[in-house]
Amino acid sequence: MRIAVLDDYLKVAEGLADWGSLKAEVTFFNAFIEPEKLAATLAPFDVVVAMRERSAFPASVIEALPNLKLLVTTGLRNNSIDLDACRKKGVVVSGSPGDPMSTGATAELSWALLLALFKKIPQEDANMRKGLWQTSMPPTIKGKRLGLLGVGNLGQQVARVGLAFGMDVVAWSPNLTPERAAEAGVKLVSKEELFKTSDAISVHIVLSDRTRGIVDAASLQSMKPTAYLVNTSRAGLVDLDALKKALEQGKIGGAGLDVYESEPVQANDPWRQVPRTVLTPHLGYATPENFAVFYKNVVANIAAFAAGSPTRVLT
């Protein structure tokens, strides 16, 4: 059995699980494989381990992998895998959950980005190193309005911190009711009011055909010129062209982004130079605790498949 472990950018996968117990040939790929080279690179492998939604597996790639029998993804959902194509080809897809204690890591990062924006930390740090002193006046967060797109598990965690800071926390999502909002300790408002009145907006909606582009150009144009947008969910939720334009023209105060249309973001990608941004490389889920559990569950899934009893099957 030949196993390919993809997108191991941090070079940690080999040391976080007992791969030797599989009695297989395991190859770790530390660099991103270009989409046009993916099928040819993975053609010899029986098992492929995908990291969340990095390398994409559309039908064209699945059909071009003659030896593929098992596709294992970290996490229990991966929108980059064409499950129908896997079913048709008889490829088993298994999910590998991470550390339950790391479920709040993305909410923590949302607040790291929010605080960095509000308190001008990147600018002041850079200016301190240039020999400057007090080049801005960061505003008080207490009393400001925090707008949440979605108050599921992560949105609720972000809301609790906002409430603890004394913020006015409001929320909207396509299915949110006043009762569910009240249970989360926040107030339901319309989408229009949320964008027009919030001092900061944090996105916590699941990406689907219904929600793709839900942060559209009109919503961005209606934001306060001092307001911030933070997205630690999925890039597809935001009209990125409209956001880039708004930032470049100074129409909004800034944006904190952890997710991008294409990942990893290439060195020459224009987003690396967009002003008024705090950018992180999809760190929301990348905790040592989470990765350790991810890869242990990956090994367990492969062992179960080899024994004829696949576990956590998604197809």
C-alpha atoms as a PDB file:
ATOM      1  CA  MET A   1       0.000   0.000   0.000  1.00  0.00           C
ATOM      2  CA  ARG A   2       1.327   3.420  -1.004  1.00  0.00           C
ATOM      3  CA  ILE A   3       0.100   6.434   0.963  1.00  0.00           C
ATOM      4  CA  ALA A   4       0.411  10.115   0.019  1.00  0.00           C
ATOM      5  CA  VAL A   5       0.045  12.726   2.772  1.00  0.00           C
ATOM      6  CA  LEU A   6      -0.647  16.085   1.166  1.00  0.00           C
ATOM      7  CA  ASP A   7      -0.167  19.724   2.133  1.00  0.00           C
ATOM      8  CA  ASP A   8       2.081  19.097   5.124  1.00  0.00           C
ATOM      9  CA  TYR A   9       3.376  22.687   4.968  1.00  0.00           C
ATOM     10  CA  LEU A  10       4.559  22.673   8.578  1.00  0.00           C
ATOM     11  CA  LYS A  11       6.370  19.343   8.154  1.00  0.00           C
ATOM     12  CA  VAL A  12       4.768  17.901  11.274  1.00  0.00           C
ATOM     13  CA  ALA A  13       2.639  15.014   9.992  1.00  0.00           C
ATOM     14  CA  GLU A  14       5.353  12.364  10.155  1.00  0.00           C
ATOM     15  CA  GLY A  15       6.044  12.983  13.835  1.00  0.00           C
ATOM     16  CA  LEU A  16       2.443  13.273  15.018  1.00  0.00           C
ATOM     17  CA  ALA A  17       1.242   9.708  14.360  1.00  0.00           C
ATOM     18  CA  ASP A  18       2.510   6.134  14.193  1.00  0.00           C
ATOM     19  CA  TRP A  19       2.665   5.775  10.415  1.00  0.00           C
ATOM     20  CA  GLY A  20       5.020   2.808  10.779  1.00  0.00           C
ATOM     21  CA  SER A  21       2.181   0.753  12.244  1.00  0.00           C
ATOM     22  CA  LEU A  22       0.549   0.723   8.798  1.00  0.00           C
ATOM     23  CA  LYS A  23       3.380  -1.303   7.225  1.00  0.00           C
ATOM     24  CA  ALA A  24       3.077   0.860   4.138  1.00  0.00           C
ATOM     25  CA  GLU A  25       5.137   3.217   2.025  1.00  0.00           C
ATOM     26  CA  VAL A  26       4.229   6.751   3.158  1.00  0.00           C
ATOM     27  CA  THR A  27       5.247   9.886   1.237  1.00  0.00           C
ATOM     28  CA  PHE A  28       4.809  13.322   2.809  1.00  0.00           C
ATOM     29  CA  PHE A  29       4.302  16.291   0.476  1.00  0.00           C
ATOM     30  CA  ASN A  30       5.452  19.509   2.151  1.00  0.00           C
ATOM     31  CA  ALA A  31       4.736  21.794  -0.819  1.00  0.00           C
ATOM     32  CA  PHE A  32       1.486  22.542  -2.592  1.00  0.00           C
ATOM     33  CA  ILE A  33       0.997  20.500  -5.764  1.00  0.00           C
ATOM     34  CA  GLU A  34      -0.292  22.574  -8.667  1.00  0.00           C
ATOM     35  CA  PRO A  35      -3.789  21.416  -9.727  1.00  0.00           C
ATOM     36  CA  GLU A  36      -2.636  20.516 -13.246  1.00  0.00           C
ATOM     37  CA  LYS A  37       0.064  18.251 -11.763  1.00  0.00           C
ATOM     38  CA  LEU A  38      -2.021  16.644  -9.023  1.00  0.00           C
ATOM     39  CA  ALA A  39      -3.340  13.636 -10.948  1.00  0.00           C
ATOM     40  CA  ALA A  40       0.055  12.712 -12.408  1.00  0.00           C
ATOM     41  CA  THR A  41       1.772  13.100  -9.032  1.00  0.00           C
ATOM     42  CA  LEU A  42      -0.758  10.958  -7.171  1.00  0.00           C
ATOM     43  CA  ALA A  43      -1.311   8.303  -9.841  1.00  0.00           C
ATOM     44  CA  PRO A  44       0.889   5.656  -8.100  1.00  0.00           C
ATOM     45  CA  PHE A  45      -0.836   5.946  -4.699  1.00  0.00           C
ATOM     46  CA  ASP A  46      -3.536   3.703  -3.222  1.00  0.00           C
ATOM     47  CA  VAL A  47      -4.381   6.062  -0.351  1.00  0.00           C
ATOM     48  CA  VAL A  48      -4.365   9.863  -0.329  1.00  0.00           C
ATOM     49  CA  VAL A  49      -4.571  11.963   2.837  1.00  0.00           C
ATOM     50  CA  ALA A  50      -5.987  15.429   2.179  1.00  0.00           C
ATOM     51  CA  MET A  51      -5.623  18.328   4.586  1.00  0.00           C
ATOM     52  CA  ARG A  52      -9.024  19.956   4.943  1.00  0.00           C
ATOM     53  CA  GLU A  53      -9.738  21.957   1.790  1.00  0.00           C
ATOM     54  CA  ARG A  54      -6.288  22.547   0.334  1.00  0.00           C
ATOM     55  CA  SER A  55      -5.770  20.305  -2.703  1.00  0.00           C
ATOM     56  CA  ALA A  56      -9.024  19.940  -4.608  1.00  0.00           C
ATOM     57  CA  PHE A  57     -10.360  16.590  -5.812  1.00  0.00           C
ATOM     58  CA  PRO A  58     -12.939  17.248  -8.540  1.00  0.00           C
ATOM     59  CA  ALA A  59     -14.247  14.426 -10.707  1.00  0.00           C
ATOM     60  CA  SER A  60     -11.520  15.007 -13.290  1.00  0.00           C
ATOM     61  CA  VAL A  61      -8.816  14.245 -10.716  1.00  0.00           C
ATOM     62  CA  ILE A  62     -10.628  11.317  -9.096  1.00  0.00           C
ATOM     63  CA  GLU A  63     -11.165   9.665 -12.482  1.00  0.00           C
ATOM     64  CA  ALA A  64      -7.489  10.114 -13.364  1.00  0.00           C
ATOM     65  CA  LEU A  65      -6.179   8.218 -10.322  1.00  0.00           C
ATOM     66  CA  PRO A  66      -6.046   4.548 -11.375  1.00  0.00           C
ATOM     67  CA  ASN A  67      -4.903   3.123  -8.033  1.00  0.00           C
ATOM     68  CA  LEU A  68      -6.896   5.257  -5.591  1.00  0.00           C
ATOM     69  CA  LYS A  69      -8.952   3.189  -3.175  1.00  0.00           C
ATOM     70  CA  LEU A  70      -9.148   5.401  -0.080  1.00  0.00           C
ATOM     71  CA  LEU A  71      -9.240   9.182   0.284  1.00  0.00           C
ATOM     72  CA  VAL A  72      -8.891  10.371   3.873  1.00  0.00           C
ATOM     73  CA  THR A  73      -9.577  13.976   4.817  1.00  0.00           C
ATOM     74  CA  THR A  74      -8.737  15.701   8.056  1.00  0.00           C
ATOM     75  CA  GLY A  75     -11.993  16.987   9.493  1.00  0.00           C
ATOM     76  CA  LEU A  76     -15.411  15.533   8.848  1.00  0.00           C
ATOM     77  CA  ARG A  77     -16.336  17.751   5.909  1.00  0.00           C
ATOM     78  CA  ASN A  78     -14.348  18.707   2.829  1.00  0.00           C
ATOM     79  CA  ASN A  79     -16.065  20.732   0.111  1.00  0.00           C
ATOM     80  CA  SER A  80     -13.065  20.236  -2.186  1.00  0.00           C
ATOM     81  CA  ILE A  81     -13.799  16.528  -2.687  1.00  0.00           C
ATOM     82  CA  ASP A  82     -16.371  15.427  -5.277  1.00  0.00           C
ATOM     83  CA  LEU A  83     -18.092  12.718  -3.255  1.00  0.00           C
ATOM     84  CA  ASP A  84     -20.327  11.659  -6.153  1.00  0.00           C
ATOM     85  CA  ALA A  85     -17.270  11.010  -8.316  1.00  0.00           C
ATOM     86  CA  CYS A  86     -15.741   8.951  -5.505  1.00  0.00           C
ATOM     87  CA  ARG A  87     -18.906   6.860  -5.158  1.00  0.00           C
ATOM     88  CA  LYS A  88     -19.027   6.178  -8.899  1.00  0.00           C
ATOM     89  CA  LYS A  89     -15.379   5.092  -8.911  1.00  0.00           C
ATOM     90  CA  GLY A  90     -15.706   3.031  -5.731  1.00  0.00           C
ATOM     91  CA  VAL A  91     -13.309   5.207  -3.751  1.00  0.00           C
ATOM     92  CA  VAL A  92     -13.979   5.231  -0.013  1.00  0.00           C
ATOM     93  CA  VAL A  93     -13.787   8.682   1.619  1.00  0.00           C
ATOM     94  CA  SER A  94     -13.172   8.824   5.373  1.00  0.00           C
ATOM     95  CA  GLY A  95     -13.198  11.820   7.689  1.00  0.00           C
ATOM     96  CA  SER A  96     -10.792  12.285  10.577  1.00  0.00           C
ATOM     97  CA  PRO A  97     -11.966  14.523  13.428  1.00  0.00           C
ATOM     98  CA  GLY A  98      -9.576  16.752  15.302  1.00  0.00           C
ATOM     99  CA  ASP A  99      -9.170  17.754  18.927  1.00  0.00           C
ATOM    100  CA  PRO A 100     -12.521  18.672  20.571  1.00  0.00           C
ATOM    101  CA  MET A 101     -10.703  21.234  22.718  1.00  0.00           C
ATOM    102  CA  SER A 102      -9.568  23.055  19.571  1.00  0.00           C
ATOM    103  CA  THR A 103     -13.083  23.846  18.355  1.00  0.00           C
ATOM    104  CA  GLY A 104     -12.705  27.367  19.723  1.00  0.00           C
ATOM    105  CA  ALA A 105      -9.397  28.054  17.974  1.00  0.00           C
ATOM    106  CA  THR A 106     -11.075  29.785  15.039  1.00  0.00           C
ATOM    107  CA  ALA A 107     -13.101  32.012  17.370  1.00  0.00           C
ATOM    108  CA  GLU A 108      -9.877  32.898  19.185  1.00  0.00           C
ATOM    109  CA  LEU A 109      -8.265  33.875  15.893  1.00  0.00           C
ATOM    110  CA  SER A 110     -11.299  35.971  14.977  1.00  0.00           C
ATOM    111  CA  TRP A 111     -10.728  37.989  18.124  1.00  0.00           C
ATOM    112  CA  ALA A 112      -6.991  38.206  17.493  1.00  0.00           C
ATOM    113  CA  LEU A 113      -7.769  39.782  14.112  1.00  0.00           C
ATOM    114  CA  LEU A 114     -10.454  42.054  15.547  1.00  0.00           C
ATOM    115  CA  LEU A 115      -8.151  43.321  18.278  1.00  0.00           C
ATOM    116  CA  ALA A 116      -5.265  43.766  15.844  1.00  0.00           C
ATOM    117  CA  LEU A 117      -7.531  45.930  13.676  1.00  0.00           C
ATOM    118  CA  PHE A 118      -9.151  47.940  16.452  1.00  0.00           C
ATOM    119  CA  LYS A 119      -5.903  48.530  18.337  1.00  0.00           C
ATOM    120  CA  LYS A 120      -3.747  49.143  15.227  1.00  0.00           C
ATOM    121  CA  ILE A 121      -1.229  46.569  16.435  1.00  0.00           C
ATOM    122  CA  PRO A 122       0.470  45.715  13.108  1.00  0.00           C
ATOM    123  CA  GLN A 123       0.967  49.409  12.257  1.00  0.00           C
ATOM    124  CA  GLU A 124       2.196  50.396  15.708  1.00  0.00           C
ATOM    125  CA  ASP A 125       4.548  47.410  15.909  1.00  0.00           C
ATOM    126  CA  ALA A 126       6.037  48.291  12.512  1.00  0.00           C
ATOM    127  CA  ASN A 127       6.359  51.963  13.457  1.00  0.00           C
ATOM    128  CA  MET A 128       7.998  51.174  16.791  1.00  0.00           C
ATOM    129  CA  ARG A 129      10.681  49.269  14.888  1.00  0.00           C
ATOM    130  CA  LYS A 130      11.178  52.346  12.697  1.00  0.00           C
ATOM    131  CA  GLY A 131      11.855  54.481  15.766  1.00  0.00           C
ATOM    132  CA  LEU A 132       8.456  56.175  15.817  1.00  0.00           C
ATOM    133  CA  TRP A 133       6.109  56.705  18.765  1.00  0.00           C
ATOM    134  CA  GLN A 134       2.296  56.902  19.035  1.00  0.00           C
ATOM    135  CA  THR A 135       1.276  57.164  15.409  1.00  0.00           C
ATOM    136  CA  SER A 136      -2.428  56.398  15.959  1.00  0.00           C
ATOM    137  CA  MET A 137      -5.176  56.547  18.576  1.00  0.00           C
ATOM    138  CA  PRO A 138      -6.829  53.098  18.798  1.00  0.00           C
ATOM    139  CA  PRO A 139     -10.521  53.434  19.709  1.00  0.00           C
ATOM    140  CA  THR A 140     -12.240  51.923  22.711  1.00  0.00           C
ATOM    141  CA  ILE A 141     -14.097  48.705  21.953  1.00  0.00           C
ATOM    142  CA  LYS A 142     -16.638  49.056  24.750  1.00  0.00           C
ATOM    143  CA  GLY A 143     -19.897  50.411  23.388  1.00  0.00           C
ATOM    144  CA  LYS A 144     -19.079  49.614  19.780  1.00  0.00           C
ATOM    145  CA  ARG A 145     -21.404  47.405  17.736  1.00  0.00           C
ATOM    146  CA  LEU A 146     -20.216  43.933  16.726  1.00  0.00           C
ATOM    147  CA  GLY A 147     -22.184  42.338  13.895  1.00  0.00           C
ATOM    148  CA  LEU A 148     -22.082  38.574  13.503  1.00  0.00           C
ATOM    149  CA  LEU A 149     -22.982  36.757  10.317  1.00  0.00           C
ATOM    150  CA  GLY A 150     -24.103  33.528  11.921  1.00  0.00           C
ATOM    151  CA  VAL A 151     -24.346  32.537  15.575  1.00  0.00           C
ATOM    152  CA  GLY A 152     -23.612  28.845  15.468  1.00  0.00           C
ATOM    153  CA  ASN A 153     -20.965  27.392  17.746  1.00  0.00           C
ATOM    154  CA  LEU A 154     -18.168  29.724  16.594  1.00  0.00           C
ATOM    155  CA  GLY A 155     -20.384  32.784  16.302  1.00  0.00           C
ATOM    156  CA  GLN A 156     -21.616  32.263  19.845  1.00  0.00           C
ATOM    157  CA  GLN A 157     -18.067  32.054  21.160  1.00  0.00           C
ATOM    158  CA  VAL A 158     -17.169  35.311  19.424  1.00  0.00           C
ATOM    159  CA  ALA A 159     -20.376  36.882  20.761  1.00  0.00           C
ATOM    160  CA  ARG A 160     -19.539  36.004  24.370  1.00  0.00           C
ATOM    161  CA  VAL A 161     -16.198  37.788  24.152  1.00  0.00           C
ATOM    162  CA  GLY A 162     -17.827  40.824  22.559  1.00  0.00           C
ATOM    163  CA  LEU A 163     -20.402  40.952  25.331  1.00  0.00           C
ATOM    164  CA  ALA A 164     -17.648  40.637  27.937  1.00  0.00           C
ATOM    165  CA  PHE A 165     -15.960  43.671  26.355  1.00  0.00           C
ATOM    166  CA  GLY A 166     -19.234  45.585  26.719  1.00  0.00           C
ATOM    167  CA  MET A 167     -20.044  45.655  23.014  1.00  0.00           C
ATOM    168  CA  ASP A 168     -23.501  45.835  21.479  1.00  0.00           C
ATOM    169  CA  VAL A 169     -23.656  42.474  19.694  1.00  0.00           C
ATOM    170  CA  VAL A 170     -26.131  41.921  16.872  1.00  0.00           C
ATOM    171  CA  ALA A 171     -26.478  39.097  14.379  1.00  0.00           C
ATOM    172  CA  TRP A 172     -28.054  37.981  11.134  1.00  0.00           C
ATOM    173  CA  SER A 173     -28.089  34.839   9.022  1.00  0.00           C
ATOM    174  CA  PRO A 174     -30.589  33.459   6.520  1.00  0.00           C
ATOM    175  CA  ASN A 175     -32.266  31.164   9.062  1.00  0.00           C
ATOM    176  CA  LEU A 176     -31.686  33.027  12.321  1.00  0.00           C
ATOM    177  CA  THR A 177     -34.783  33.662  14.440  1.00  0.00           C
ATOM    178  CA  PRO A 178     -35.228  36.181  17.283  1.00  0.00           C
ATOM    179  CA  GLU A 179     -35.497  33.273  19.725  1.00  0.00           C
ATOM    180  CA  ARG A 180     -32.215  31.666  18.643  1.00  0.00           C
ATOM    181  CA  ALA A 181     -30.486  35.033  18.694  1.00  0.00           C
ATOM    182  CA  ALA A 182     -31.743  35.685  22.220  1.00  0.00           C
ATOM    183  CA  GLU A 183     -30.458  32.282  23.338  1.00  0.00           C
ATOM    184  CA  ALA A 184     -27.019  33.371  22.130  1.00  0.00           C
ATOM    185  CA  GLY A 185     -27.351  36.642  24.046  1.00  0.00           C
ATOM    186  CA  VAL A 186     -27.502  38.785  20.916  1.00  0.00           C
ATOM    187  CA  LYS A 187     -30.122  40.766  19.006  1.00  0.00           C
ATOM    188  CA  LEU A 188     -31.397  39.766  15.583  1.00  0.00           C
ATOM    189  CA  VAL A 189     -31.288  42.569  13.004  1.00  0.00           C
ATOM    190  CA  SER A 190     -31.699  42.652   9.245  1.00  0.00           C
ATOM    191  CA  LYS A 191     -28.715  42.075   7.003  1.00  0.00           C
ATOM    192  CA  GLU A 192     -28.944  45.681   5.867  1.00  0.00           C
ATOM    193  CA  GLU A 193     -28.898  47.058   9.413  1.00  0.00           C
ATOM    194  CA  LEU A 194     -26.021  44.803  10.415  1.00  0.00           C
ATOM    195  CA  PHE A 195     -23.767  46.090   7.634  1.00  0.00           C
ATOM    196  CA  LYS A 196     -24.813  49.744   7.944  1.00  0.00           C
ATOM    197  CA  THR A 197     -24.500  50.059  11.723  1.00  0.00           C
ATOM    198  CA  SER A 198     -21.772  47.654  12.867  1.00  0.00           C
ATOM    199  CA  ASP A 199     -18.301  48.860  13.803  1.00  0.00           C
ATOM    200  CA  ALA A 200     -16.952  45.382  13.119  1.00  0.00           C
ATOM    201  CA  ILE A 201     -18.419  42.371  11.319  1.00  0.00           C
ATOM    202  CA  SER A 202     -17.239  38.798  11.826  1.00  0.00           C
ATOM    203  CA  VAL A 203     -18.287  36.032   9.425  1.00  0.00           C
ATOM    204  CA  HIS A 204     -19.300  32.623  10.810  1.00  0.00           C
ATOM    205  CA  ILE A 205     -21.582  31.054   8.179  1.00  0.00           C
ATOM    206  CA  VAL A 206     -21.094  27.693   6.465  1.00  0.00           C
ATOM    207  CA  LEU A 207     -20.316  28.029   2.759  1.00  0.00           C
ATOM    208  CA  SER A 208     -23.000  26.594   0.474  1.00  0.00           C
ATOM    209  CA  ASP A 209     -24.608  27.446  -2.854  1.00  0.00           C
ATOM    210  CA  ARG A 210     -27.071  29.570  -0.889  1.00  0.00           C
ATOM    211  CA  THR A 211     -24.479  31.547   1.055  1.00  0.00           C
ATOM    212  CA  ARG A 212     -21.750  31.956  -1.571  1.00  0.00           C
ATOM    213  CA  GLY A 213     -21.053  35.680  -2.003  1.00  0.00           C
ATOM    214  CA  ILE A 214     -23.420  36.608   0.805  1.00  0.00           C
ATOM    215  CA  VAL A 215     -21.097  39.483   1.717  1.00  0.00           C
ATOM    216  CA  ASP A 216     -21.717  41.231  -1.579  1.00  0.00           C
ATOM    217  CA  ALA A 217     -20.627  44.543  -3.048  1.00  0.00           C
ATOM    218  CA  ALA A 218     -23.770  46.353  -1.874  1.00  0.00           C
ATOM    219  CA  SER A 219     -23.245  45.184   1.708  1.00  0.00           C
ATOM    220  CA  LEU A 220     -19.612  46.291   1.688  1.00  0.00           C
ATOM    221  CA  GLN A 221     -20.521  49.670   0.217  1.00  0.00           C
ATOM    222  CA  SER A 222     -23.036  50.231   3.025  1.00  0.00           C
ATOM    223  CA  MET A 223     -20.480  49.719   5.803  1.00  0.00           C
ATOM    224  CA  LYS A 224     -19.158  52.608   7.880  1.00  0.00           C
ATOM    225  CA  PRO A 225     -15.857  53.985   6.543  1.00  0.00           C
ATOM    226  CA  THR A 226     -14.316  53.105   9.929  1.00  0.00           C
ATOM    227  CA  ALA A 227     -15.775  49.579  10.147  1.00  0.00           C
ATOM    228  CA  TYR A 228     -13.842  46.318   9.949  1.00  0.00           C
ATOM    229  CA  LEU A 229     -14.648  42.965   8.338  1.00  0.00           C
ATOM    230  CA  VAL A 230     -13.151  39.722   9.671  1.00  0.00           C
ATOM    231  CA  ASN A 231     -13.480  36.417   7.826  1.00  0.00           C
ATOM    232  CA  THR A 232     -12.194  33.203   9.380  1.00  0.00           C
ATOM    233  CA  SER A 233     -14.880  31.032   7.772  1.00  0.00           C
ATOM    234  CA  ARG A 234     -14.579  30.572   3.980  1.00  0.00           C
ATOM    235  CA  ALA A 235     -13.385  32.965   1.296  1.00  0.00           C
ATOM    236  CA  GLY A 236     -16.331  32.132  -0.966  1.00  0.00           C
ATOM    237  CA  LEU A 237     -18.717  33.872   1.415  1.00  0.00           C
ATOM    238  CA  VAL A 238     -17.285  37.256   0.399  1.00  0.00           C
ATOM    239  CA  ASP A 239     -17.177  39.046  -2.947  1.00  0.00           C
ATOM    240  CA  LEU A 240     -13.393  39.351  -2.846  1.00  0.00           C
ATOM    241  CA  ASP A 241     -13.133  41.698  -5.817  1.00  0.00           C
ATOM    242  CA  ALA A 242     -15.548  44.103  -4.133  1.00  0.00           C
ATOM    243  CA  LEU A 243     -13.705  43.793  -0.821  1.00  0.00           C
ATOM    244  CA  LYS A 244     -10.346  44.465  -2.452  1.00  0.00           C
ATOM    245  CA  LYS A 245     -11.756  47.546  -4.155  1.00  0.00           C
ATOM    246  CA  ALA A 246     -13.304  48.828  -0.913  1.00  0.00           C
ATOM    247  CA  LEU A 247     -10.004  48.434   0.935  1.00  0.00           C
ATOM    248  CA  GLU A 248      -7.918  50.038  -1.791  1.00  0.00           C
ATOM    249  CA  GLN A 249     -10.300  52.987  -1.998  1.00  0.00           C
ATOM    250  CA  GLY A 250     -10.562  53.370   1.777  1.00  0.00           C
ATOM    251  CA  LYS A 251     -14.303  52.735   1.776  1.00  0.00           C
ATOM    252  CA  ILE A 252     -14.014  50.637   4.961  1.00  0.00           C
ATOM    253  CA  GLY A 253     -11.585  50.742   7.858  1.00  0.00           C
ATOM    254  CA  GLY A 254      -9.933  47.415   7.216  1.00  0.00           C
ATOM    255  CA  ALA A 255     -10.229  43.648   7.014  1.00  0.00           C
ATOM    256  CA  GLY A 256      -8.794  40.687   8.878  1.00  0.00           C
ATOM    257  CA  LEU A 257      -8.577  37.602   6.667  1.00  0.00           C
ATOM    258  CA  ASP A 258      -7.581  34.034   7.453  1.00  0.00           C
ATOM    259  CA  VAL A 259      -9.154  32.375   4.382  1.00  0.00           C
ATOM    260  CA  TYR A 260      -8.573  32.917   0.673  1.00  0.00           C
ATOM    261  CA  GLU A 261      -9.975  31.880  -2.676  1.00  0.00           C
ATOM    262  CA  SER A 262      -6.870  29.838  -3.507  1.00  0.00           C
ATOM    263  CA  GLU A 263      -4.662  28.393  -0.781  1.00  0.00           C
ATOM    264  CA  PRO A 264      -1.844  28.548  -0.108  1.00  0.00           C
ATOM    265  CA  VAL A 265      -1.711  32.146  -1.277  1.00  0.00           C
ATOM    266  CA  GLN A 266       1.127  32.465  -3.784  1.00  0.00           C
ATOM    267  CA  ALA A 267       4.037  34.795  -3.032  1.00  0.00           C
ATOM    268  CA  ASN A 268       3.049  37.205  -5.791  1.00  0.00           C
ATOM    269  CA  ASP A 269      -0.689  37.201  -5.072  1.00  0.00           C
ATOM    270  CA  PRO A 270      -2.090  40.771  -5.114  1.00  0.00           C
ATOM    271  CA  TRP A 271      -3.842  40.189  -1.784  1.00  0.00           C
ATOM    272  CA  ARG A 272      -0.488  40.267  -0.017  1.00  0.00           C
ATOM    273  CA  GLN A 273      -0.234  43.965  -0.934  1.00  0.00           C
ATOM    274  CA  VAL A 274      -3.813  45.103  -0.281  1.00  0.00           C
ATOM    275  CA  PRO A 275      -3.811  47.982   2.246  1.00  0.00           C
ATOM    276  CA  ARG A 276      -5.780  48.112   5.516  1.00  0.00           C
ATOM    277  CA  THR A 277      -5.523  44.363   6.040  1.00  0.00           C
ATOM    278  CA  VAL A 278      -4.296  41.968   8.703  1.00  0.00           C
ATOM    279  CA  LEU A 279      -3.579  38.659   6.967  1.00  0.00           C
ATOM    280  CA  THR A 280      -2.997  35.227   8.499  1.00  0.00           C
ATOM    281  CA  PRO A 281      -2.352  31.960   6.566  1.00  0.00           C
ATOM    282  CA  HIS A 282      -5.487  29.971   7.494  1.00  0.00           C
ATOM    283  CA  LEU A 283      -4.415  29.457  11.104  1.00  0.00           C
ATOM    284  CA  GLY A 284      -7.925  29.073  12.502  1.00  0.00           C
ATOM    285  CA  TYR A 285      -7.710  25.295  12.774  1.00  0.00           C
ATOM    286  CA  ALA A 286      -3.913  24.881  12.812  1.00  0.00           C
ATOM    287  CA  THR A 287      -3.215  24.108  16.455  1.00  0.00           C
ATOM    288  CA  PRO A 288      -0.689  21.475  17.556  1.00  0.00           C
ATOM    289  CA  GLU A 289      -3.430  19.770  19.563  1.00  0.00           C
ATOM    290  CA  ASN A 290      -5.737  19.621  16.548  1.00  0.00           C
ATOM    291  CA  PHE A 291      -3.111  18.300  14.144  1.00  0.00           C
ATOM    292  CA  ALA A 292      -1.993  15.598  16.591  1.00  0.00           C
ATOM    293  CA  VAL A 293      -5.542  14.229  16.807  1.00  0.00           C
ATOM    294  CA  PHE A 294      -6.136  14.704  13.060  1.00  0.00           C
ATOM    295  CA  TYR A 295      -3.217  12.499  12.075  1.00  0.00           C
ATOM    296  CA  LYS A 296      -3.799   9.840  14.736  1.00  0.00           C
ATOM    297  CA  ASN A 297      -7.352   9.484  13.437  1.00  0.00           C
ATOM    298  CA  VAL A 298      -6.071   9.413   9.853  1.00  0.00           C
ATOM    299  CA  VAL A 299      -3.792   6.459  10.706  1.00  0.00           C
ATOM    300  CA  ALA A 300      -6.661   4.734  12.500  1.00  0.00           C
ATOM    301  CA  ASN A 301      -8.906   5.215   9.449  1.00  0.00           C
ATOM    302  CA  ILE A 302      -6.304   3.744   7.099  1.00  0.00           C
ATOM    303  CA  ALA A 303      -5.741   0.777   9.423  1.00  0.00           C
ATOM    304  CA  ALA A 304      -9.484   0.130   9.606  1.00  0.00           C
ATOM    305  CA  PHE A 305      -9.783   0.273   5.815  1.00  0.00           C
ATOM    306  CA  ALA A 306      -6.856  -2.134   5.397  1.00  0.00           C
ATOM    307  CA  ALA A 307      -8.582  -4.506   7.831  1.00  0.00           C
ATOM    308  CA  GLY A 308     -11.760  -4.414   5.723  1.00  0.00           C
ATOM    309  CA  SER A 309     -13.831  -2.263   8.097  1.00  0.00           C
ATOM    310  CA  PRO A 310     -13.678   1.389   6.964  1.00  0.00           C
ATOM    311  CA  THR A 311     -14.638   3.943   9.629  1.00  0.00           C
ATOM    312  CA  ARG A 312     -16.080   7.461   9.531  1.00  0.00           C
ATOM    313  CA  VAL A 313     -17.105   6.945   5.896  1.00  0.00           C
ATOM    314  CA  LEU A 314     -18.371  10.085   4.140  1.00  0.00           C
ATOM    315  CA  THR A 315     -19.320   8.511   0.792  1.00  0.00           C
END
